[in-house]
Amino acid sequence: MADKDKEVKEVRAIAKYIRMSPKKVAIVLDLIRNKSVKEAKAILEFTNKDAVYPVAKLLKSAIANAEYPGNDLDVNRLYVSETYVGPGPILKRMQPHAKGRAFRINKRSSHITLKVKER
């Protein structure tokens, strides 16, 4: 019964309509999942992928949400508990080709969710 009273608080941050393929974002999210916030920041700083920028911004937002007075989480004990990415709307564009044909180009977007918890 005491375990239910001592529920671990989880704080999340969501970024929607990020103009990047979910596949590319997932690679970066896999790198920081289950890492401490400090370690996740270091990994993002030295990773050479374009998806690092929105993910780093999202991590910063999640940390700010955890510091919010209503949540009262210790920033030094935070870790990235859950990360996932889903597809957003696809912008459909046409690329002209030979003999009057046109090929479709899908410009994908992502919805990214990042959750942090105290250890």
Protein backbone atom coordinates (compact mmCIF):
# COMPACT_ATOMS: atom_id res chain seq x y z
CA MET A 1 0.00 0.00 0.00
CA ALA A 2 2.86 2.36 0.78
CA ASP A 3 4.29 1.85 -2.71
CA LYS A 4 1.14 3.27 -4.31
CA ASP A 5 1.36 6.41 -2.16
CA LYS A 6 4.97 6.96 -3.19
CA GLU A 7 4.24 7.27 -6.90
CA VAL A 8 7.18 8.30 -9.10
CA LYS A 9 6.39 11.52 -10.92
CA GLU A 10 6.98 11.66 -14.65
CA VAL A 11 7.19 14.86 -16.69
CA ARG A 12 6.91 15.00 -20.46
CA ALA A 13 7.56 17.39 -23.32
CA ILE A 14 6.09 17.08 -26.80
CA ALA A 15 7.28 18.61 -30.07
CA LYS A 16 4.81 18.44 -32.93
CA TYR A 17 5.13 19.00 -36.66
CA ILE A 18 8.93 18.71 -36.75
CA ARG A 19 9.86 18.71 -40.46
CA MET A 20 12.02 15.61 -40.33
CA SER A 21 11.39 11.95 -41.03
CA PRO A 22 10.43 9.92 -37.93
CA LYS A 23 13.03 7.32 -38.97
CA LYS A 24 15.85 9.89 -38.66
CA VAL A 25 14.59 11.19 -35.31
CA ALA A 26 14.26 7.65 -33.91
CA ILE A 27 18.00 7.06 -34.37
CA VAL A 28 18.83 9.97 -32.06
CA LEU A 29 16.11 9.07 -29.53
CA ASP A 30 17.53 5.55 -29.22
CA LEU A 31 20.88 7.05 -28.18
CA ILE A 32 19.49 8.93 -25.15
CA ARG A 33 16.79 6.57 -23.89
CA ASN A 34 17.35 5.44 -20.24
CA LYS A 35 20.33 7.80 -19.80
CA SER A 36 20.68 10.47 -17.12
CA VAL A 37 19.82 13.98 -18.27
CA LYS A 38 23.44 15.07 -17.93
CA GLU A 39 24.66 12.13 -20.03
CA ALA A 40 21.88 12.67 -22.61
CA LYS A 41 22.95 16.32 -23.04
CA ALA A 42 26.56 15.23 -23.61
CA ILE A 43 25.52 12.59 -26.15
CA LEU A 44 23.40 15.12 -28.07
CA GLU A 45 26.20 17.67 -28.04
CA PHE A 46 28.64 15.31 -29.78
CA THR A 47 26.27 13.45 -32.12
CA ASN A 48 26.55 14.45 -35.76
CA LYS A 49 22.89 14.21 -36.85
CA ASP A 50 20.41 16.92 -37.85
CA ALA A 51 17.76 15.41 -35.56
CA VAL A 52 19.88 16.41 -32.55
CA TYR A 53 18.65 20.04 -32.64
CA PRO A 54 14.91 19.45 -32.07
CA VAL A 55 15.63 16.61 -29.60
CA ALA A 56 18.04 18.78 -27.55
CA LYS A 57 15.46 21.55 -27.48
CA LEU A 58 12.83 19.06 -26.34
CA LEU A 59 15.10 17.69 -23.59
CA LYS A 60 15.70 21.23 -22.36
CA SER A 61 11.92 21.78 -22.30
CA ALA A 62 11.33 18.56 -20.34
CA ILE A 63 13.94 19.61 -17.76
CA ALA A 64 12.25 23.02 -17.44
CA ASN A 65 8.90 21.26 -16.94
CA ALA A 66 10.45 19.14 -14.18
CA GLU A 67 11.76 22.26 -12.41
CA TYR A 68 8.29 23.83 -12.41
CA PRO A 69 7.16 24.48 -8.80
CA GLY A 70 4.17 22.12 -9.01
CA ASN A 71 6.35 19.17 -10.03
CA ASP A 72 9.25 19.64 -7.55
CA LEU A 73 11.64 17.15 -9.17
CA ASP A 74 15.38 17.16 -8.43
CA VAL A 75 17.12 17.98 -11.73
CA ASN A 76 20.32 16.17 -10.69
CA ARG A 77 18.42 12.87 -10.30
CA LEU A 78 16.46 13.02 -13.58
CA TYR A 79 16.83 10.50 -16.39
CA VAL A 80 15.18 10.08 -19.79
CA SER A 81 12.62 7.37 -19.02
CA GLU A 82 10.73 7.19 -22.29
CA THR A 83 11.17 8.56 -25.81
CA TYR A 84 9.17 7.89 -28.91
CA VAL A 85 8.37 9.44 -32.25
CA GLY A 86 5.29 9.17 -34.41
CA PRO A 87 4.52 10.31 -37.93
CA GLY A 88 3.02 13.74 -38.46
CA PRO A 89 1.26 14.95 -41.60
CA ILE A 90 3.00 14.32 -44.91
CA LEU A 91 3.44 17.16 -47.39
CA LYS A 92 2.93 15.68 -50.84
CA ARG A 93 4.90 17.31 -53.63
CA MET A 94 5.36 16.45 -57.31
CA GLN A 95 8.67 16.11 -59.15
CA PRO A 96 8.42 16.48 -62.94
CA HIS A 97 9.99 13.67 -64.98
CA ALA A 98 10.42 12.74 -68.63
CA LYS A 99 7.55 12.22 -71.07
CA GLY A 100 5.09 14.32 -69.05
CA ARG A 101 5.19 12.07 -66.02
CA ALA A 102 5.41 13.23 -62.42
CA PHE A 103 6.78 11.37 -59.40
CA ARG A 104 5.57 12.08 -55.91
CA ILE A 105 7.88 13.31 -53.15
CA ASN A 106 6.70 12.78 -49.57
CA LYS A 107 8.03 15.40 -47.16
CA ARG A 108 7.52 13.72 -43.80
CA SER A 109 7.08 15.30 -40.39
CA SER A 110 7.27 13.96 -36.83
CA HIS A 111 5.65 14.26 -33.43
CA ILE A 112 8.30 13.63 -30.74
CA THR A 113 7.57 12.80 -27.09
CA LEU A 114 10.21 12.72 -24.36
CA LYS A 115 9.54 11.80 -20.71
CA VAL A 116 11.85 12.32 -17.73
CA LYS A 117 11.65 10.73 -14.26
CA GLU A 118 13.59 10.82 -11.01
CA ARG A 119 15.76 7.80 -10.15
